[in-house]
């Protein structure tokens, strides 16, 4: 395994571990999700350039568009939960009370 591949795998692993273990604020969960998307976007864009496949060059752009939609939705949820519950702590959010 090359050091470049190891860095991408470790970035995805650390961001998923951060999402699993540091769940106090909604903004930290959103940042972990964004870092997971970024650690998948960079290898996809490098892979399409290395293989010189013109049919696969659209996939990283689509993934980036879905990532932007996910970020917008996450920030809208953050604003809505802050307005209704007073903070962005995840322990204040309960699905049974919504």
N, C-alpha and C. Protein backbone atom coordinates (compact mmCIF):
# COMPACT_ATOMS: atom_id res chain seq x y z
N UNK A 1 0.85 -1.17 0.00
CA UNK A 1 0.00 0.00 0.00
C UNK A 1 0.90 1.24 0.00
N UNK A 2 0.60 2.15 -0.89
CA UNK A 2 1.41 3.35 -0.98
C UNK A 2 1.05 4.32 0.15
N UNK A 3 1.96 5.23 0.46
CA UNK A 3 1.66 6.21 1.53
C UNK A 3 0.47 7.11 1.20
N UNK A 4 0.26 7.35 -0.09
CA UNK A 4 -0.88 8.18 -0.48
C UNK A 4 -2.20 7.47 -0.18
N UNK A 5 -2.29 6.20 -0.52
CA UNK A 5 -3.49 5.44 -0.21
C UNK A 5 -3.70 5.29 1.30
N UNK A 6 -2.60 5.09 2.01
CA UNK A 6 -2.70 4.98 3.46
C UNK A 6 -3.22 6.26 4.09
N UNK A 7 -2.80 7.40 3.56
CA UNK A 7 -3.28 8.67 4.12
C UNK A 7 -4.77 8.87 3.86
N UNK A 8 -5.25 8.45 2.68
CA UNK A 8 -6.69 8.57 2.40
C UNK A 8 -7.50 7.62 3.27
N UNK A 9 -7.03 6.39 3.43
CA UNK A 9 -7.73 5.43 4.29
C UNK A 9 -7.73 5.88 5.75
N UNK A 10 -6.60 6.41 6.20
CA UNK A 10 -6.55 6.84 7.59
C UNK A 10 -7.40 8.09 7.82
N UNK A 11 -7.48 8.99 6.84
CA UNK A 11 -8.33 10.17 6.98
C UNK A 11 -9.81 9.77 7.09
N UNK A 12 -10.22 8.81 6.27
CA UNK A 12 -11.60 8.35 6.35
C UNK A 12 -11.87 7.63 7.67
N UNK A 13 -10.91 6.82 8.12
CA UNK A 13 -11.07 6.09 9.36
C UNK A 13 -11.13 7.03 10.56
N UNK A 14 -10.26 8.03 10.59
CA UNK A 14 -10.26 8.96 11.71
C UNK A 14 -11.53 9.80 11.74
N UNK A 15 -12.02 10.18 10.58
CA UNK A 15 -13.26 10.97 10.59
C UNK A 15 -14.46 10.12 10.99
N UNK A 16 -14.48 8.85 10.60
CA UNK A 16 -15.58 8.00 11.05
C UNK A 16 -15.47 7.68 12.54
N UNK A 17 -14.25 7.54 13.05
CA UNK A 17 -14.09 7.36 14.49
C UNK A 17 -14.49 8.62 15.25
N UNK A 18 -14.17 9.78 14.70
CA UNK A 18 -14.60 11.02 15.31
C UNK A 18 -16.11 11.16 15.34
N UNK A 19 -16.77 10.67 14.28
CA UNK A 19 -18.23 10.69 14.25
C UNK A 19 -18.82 9.72 15.26
N UNK A 20 -18.14 8.62 15.47
CA UNK A 20 -18.67 7.60 16.39
C UNK A 20 -18.45 7.96 17.86
N UNK A 21 -17.32 8.58 18.18
CA UNK A 21 -16.97 8.78 19.59
C UNK A 21 -17.18 10.18 20.12
N UNK A 22 -17.10 11.21 19.29
CA UNK A 22 -17.23 12.59 19.77
C UNK A 22 -18.58 13.14 19.33
N UNK A 23 -19.63 12.67 19.97
CA UNK A 23 -20.98 13.06 19.58
C UNK A 23 -21.59 13.98 20.62
N UNK A 24 -20.97 15.09 20.91
CA UNK A 24 -21.55 16.02 21.86
C UNK A 24 -22.30 17.14 21.15
N UNK A 25 -21.76 17.66 20.08
CA UNK A 25 -22.39 18.76 19.34
C UNK A 25 -22.75 18.30 17.94
N UNK A 26 -23.82 18.88 17.40
CA UNK A 26 -24.23 18.56 16.05
C UNK A 26 -23.23 19.11 15.04
N UNK A 27 -22.60 20.22 15.34
CA UNK A 27 -21.64 20.80 14.40
C UNK A 27 -20.40 19.92 14.26
N UNK A 28 -19.99 19.25 15.33
CA UNK A 28 -18.84 18.35 15.22
C UNK A 28 -19.19 17.12 14.39
N UNK A 29 -20.43 16.65 14.50
CA UNK A 29 -20.86 15.53 13.66
C UNK A 29 -20.91 15.93 12.19
N UNK A 30 -21.35 17.15 11.93
CA UNK A 30 -21.37 17.63 10.55
C UNK A 30 -19.97 17.80 9.99
N UNK A 31 -19.04 18.26 10.81
CA UNK A 31 -17.65 18.39 10.35
C UNK A 31 -17.03 17.03 10.06
N UNK A 32 -17.35 16.04 10.86
CA UNK A 32 -16.83 14.69 10.59
C UNK A 32 -17.41 14.13 9.30
N UNK A 33 -18.69 14.38 9.05
CA UNK A 33 -19.29 13.94 7.79
C UNK A 33 -18.65 14.62 6.60
N UNK A 34 -18.37 15.91 6.73
CA UNK A 34 -17.73 16.63 5.62
C UNK A 34 -16.31 16.15 5.37
N UNK A 35 -15.59 15.81 6.43
CA UNK A 35 -14.24 15.29 6.22
C UNK A 35 -14.28 13.90 5.60
N UNK A 36 -15.31 13.10 5.91
CA UNK A 36 -15.46 11.81 5.25
C UNK A 36 -15.72 11.99 3.76
N UNK A 37 -16.56 12.95 3.42
CA UNK A 37 -16.85 13.20 2.00
C UNK A 37 -15.61 13.73 1.28
N UNK A 38 -14.85 14.57 1.94
CA UNK A 38 -13.63 15.10 1.32
C UNK A 38 -12.58 14.02 1.15
N UNK A 39 -12.48 13.12 2.13
CA UNK A 39 -11.50 12.04 2.00
C UNK A 39 -11.94 11.01 0.96
N UNK A 40 -13.18 11.00 0.54
CA UNK A 40 -13.60 10.16 -0.58
C UNK A 40 -13.53 10.90 -1.91
N UNK A 41 -13.70 12.23 -1.89
CA UNK A 41 -13.67 13.01 -3.12
C UNK A 41 -12.28 13.07 -3.74
N UNK A 42 -11.27 13.30 -2.91
CA UNK A 42 -9.91 13.45 -3.43
C UNK A 42 -9.40 12.18 -4.11
N UNK A 43 -9.55 10.98 -3.51
CA UNK A 43 -9.11 9.78 -4.24
C UNK A 43 -9.91 9.50 -5.51
N UNK A 44 -11.20 9.82 -5.51
CA UNK A 44 -11.99 9.62 -6.73
C UNK A 44 -11.51 10.52 -7.85
N UNK A 45 -11.19 11.76 -7.54
CA UNK A 45 -10.72 12.66 -8.58
C UNK A 45 -9.32 12.28 -9.06
N UNK A 46 -8.46 11.83 -8.16
CA UNK A 46 -7.13 11.39 -8.57
C UNK A 46 -7.20 10.11 -9.39
N UNK A 47 -8.11 9.21 -9.02
CA UNK A 47 -8.23 7.94 -9.73
C UNK A 47 -8.69 8.13 -11.17
N UNK A 48 -9.62 9.06 -11.39
CA UNK A 48 -10.09 9.29 -12.75
C UNK A 48 -9.00 9.94 -13.61
N UNK A 49 -8.13 10.73 -13.01
CA UNK A 49 -7.03 11.33 -13.77
C UNK A 49 -5.95 10.30 -14.07
N UNK A 50 -5.66 9.44 -13.09
CA UNK A 50 -4.62 8.42 -13.30
C UNK A 50 -5.02 7.41 -14.37
N UNK A 51 -6.27 7.00 -14.39
CA UNK A 51 -6.73 6.00 -15.36
C UNK A 51 -7.12 6.59 -16.69
N UNK A 52 -7.24 7.89 -16.78
CA UNK A 52 -7.60 8.62 -17.99
C UNK A 52 -8.89 8.09 -18.61
N UNK A 53 -9.88 7.93 -17.76
CA UNK A 53 -11.19 7.51 -18.24
C UNK A 53 -12.11 8.72 -18.31
N UNK A 54 -12.46 9.14 -19.52
CA UNK A 54 -13.31 10.34 -19.63
C UNK A 54 -14.74 10.11 -19.15
N UNK A 55 -15.19 8.86 -19.12
CA UNK A 55 -16.56 8.63 -18.67
C UNK A 55 -16.70 8.70 -17.15
N UNK A 56 -15.59 8.60 -16.43
CA UNK A 56 -15.64 8.60 -14.97
C UNK A 56 -15.33 9.96 -14.36
N UNK A 57 -15.04 10.96 -15.18
CA UNK A 57 -14.66 12.27 -14.64
C UNK A 57 -15.84 13.02 -14.04
N UNK A 58 -17.05 12.61 -14.34
CA UNK A 58 -18.23 13.28 -13.81
C UNK A 58 -18.56 12.84 -12.38
N UNK A 59 -18.13 11.67 -11.98
CA UNK A 59 -18.48 11.11 -10.67
C UNK A 59 -17.97 11.97 -9.51
N UNK A 60 -16.71 12.45 -9.51
CA UNK A 60 -16.30 13.31 -8.39
C UNK A 60 -17.09 14.62 -8.29
N UNK A 61 -17.49 15.16 -9.43
CA UNK A 61 -18.28 16.39 -9.41
C UNK A 61 -19.67 16.12 -8.84
N UNK A 62 -20.26 14.99 -9.21
CA UNK A 62 -21.57 14.64 -8.64
C UNK A 62 -21.48 14.40 -7.14
N UNK A 63 -20.40 13.77 -6.72
CA UNK A 63 -20.22 13.52 -5.29
C UNK A 63 -20.03 14.84 -4.53
N UNK A 64 -19.32 15.78 -5.14
CA UNK A 64 -19.16 17.09 -4.52
C UNK A 64 -20.47 17.85 -4.45
N UNK A 65 -21.33 17.69 -5.45
CA UNK A 65 -22.65 18.33 -5.43
C UNK A 65 -23.52 17.73 -4.33
N UNK A 66 -23.50 16.40 -4.19
CA UNK A 66 -24.26 15.77 -3.11
C UNK A 66 -23.70 16.16 -1.74
N UNK A 67 -22.40 16.35 -1.66
CA UNK A 67 -21.79 16.78 -0.40
C UNK A 67 -22.24 18.19 -0.04
N UNK A 68 -22.35 19.06 -1.03
CA UNK A 68 -22.82 20.41 -0.76
C UNK A 68 -24.28 20.41 -0.32
N UNK A 69 -25.09 19.54 -0.94
CA UNK A 69 -26.49 19.42 -0.51
C UNK A 69 -26.59 18.88 0.91
N UNK A 70 -25.73 17.93 1.23
CA UNK A 70 -25.71 17.37 2.59
C UNK A 70 -25.29 18.43 3.60
N UNK A 71 -24.34 19.27 3.24
CA UNK A 71 -23.90 20.32 4.14
C UNK A 71 -25.00 21.36 4.36
N UNK A 72 -25.69 21.71 3.30
CA UNK A 72 -26.79 22.67 3.43
C UNK A 72 -27.92 22.13 4.29
N UNK A 73 -28.25 20.86 4.10
CA UNK A 73 -29.29 20.23 4.91
C UNK A 73 -28.87 20.13 6.37
N UNK A 74 -27.60 19.79 6.59
CA UNK A 74 -27.10 19.70 7.96
C UNK A 74 -27.10 21.03 8.67
N UNK A 75 -26.72 22.09 7.95
CA UNK A 75 -26.75 23.41 8.58
C UNK A 75 -28.17 23.89 8.84
N UNK A 76 -29.11 23.53 7.97
CA UNK A 76 -30.51 23.87 8.22
C UNK A 76 -31.03 23.13 9.45
N UNK A 77 -30.64 21.87 9.60
CA UNK A 77 -31.02 21.13 10.81
C UNK A 77 -30.38 21.73 12.05
N UNK A 78 -29.15 22.20 11.93
CA UNK A 78 -28.46 22.83 13.06
C UNK A 78 -29.18 24.10 13.49
N UNK A 79 -29.57 24.93 12.54
CA UNK A 79 -30.28 26.16 12.87
C UNK A 79 -31.65 25.86 13.47
N UNK A 80 -32.35 24.86 12.90
CA UNK A 80 -33.68 24.52 13.41
C UNK A 80 -33.60 23.94 14.82
N UNK A 81 -32.62 23.10 15.07
CA UNK A 81 -32.51 22.53 16.42
C UNK A 81 -32.04 23.56 17.43
N UNK A 82 -31.22 24.50 17.01
CA UNK A 82 -30.78 25.55 17.92
C UNK A 82 -31.94 26.47 18.27
N UNK A 83 -32.79 26.74 17.30
CA UNK A 83 -33.95 27.61 17.58
C UNK A 83 -34.99 26.92 18.46
N UNK A 84 -35.19 25.64 18.26
CA UNK A 84 -36.24 24.97 19.04
C UNK A 84 -35.74 24.49 20.39
N UNK A 85 -34.50 24.00 20.48
CA UNK A 85 -34.00 23.41 21.72
C UNK A 85 -33.03 24.32 22.48
N UNK A 86 -32.55 25.38 21.87
CA UNK A 86 -31.69 26.32 22.57
C UNK A 86 -30.20 26.04 22.45
N UNK A 87 -29.80 24.86 22.00
CA UNK A 87 -28.38 24.56 21.82
C UNK A 87 -28.25 23.46 20.77
N UNK A 88 -26.99 23.17 20.41
CA UNK A 88 -26.77 22.12 19.42
C UNK A 88 -26.21 20.85 20.05
N UNK A 89 -26.41 20.69 21.34
CA UNK A 89 -25.98 19.45 22.00
C UNK A 89 -26.86 18.30 21.53
N UNK A 90 -26.23 17.19 21.22
CA UNK A 90 -26.99 16.05 20.70
C UNK A 90 -27.78 15.34 21.79
N UNK A 91 -27.39 15.48 23.05
CA UNK A 91 -28.15 14.81 24.10
C UNK A 91 -29.48 15.51 24.36
N UNK A 92 -29.64 16.76 23.90
CA UNK A 92 -30.93 17.45 24.03
C UNK A 92 -31.93 16.97 23.00
N UNK A 93 -31.45 16.40 21.90
CA UNK A 93 -32.34 15.96 20.84
C UNK A 93 -32.81 14.55 21.12
N UNK A 94 -34.11 14.37 21.12
CA UNK A 94 -34.71 13.08 21.37
C UNK A 94 -35.79 12.85 20.32
N UNK A 95 -35.72 11.72 19.62
CA UNK A 95 -36.69 11.46 18.58
C UNK A 95 -38.10 11.22 19.11
N UNK A 96 -38.22 10.82 20.36
CA UNK A 96 -39.54 10.57 20.92
C UNK A 96 -40.27 11.86 21.27
N UNK A 97 -39.54 12.96 21.44
CA UNK A 97 -40.15 14.23 21.80
C UNK A 97 -40.47 15.10 20.58
N UNK A 98 -39.89 14.78 19.44
CA UNK A 98 -40.09 15.63 18.25
C UNK A 98 -41.45 15.46 17.64
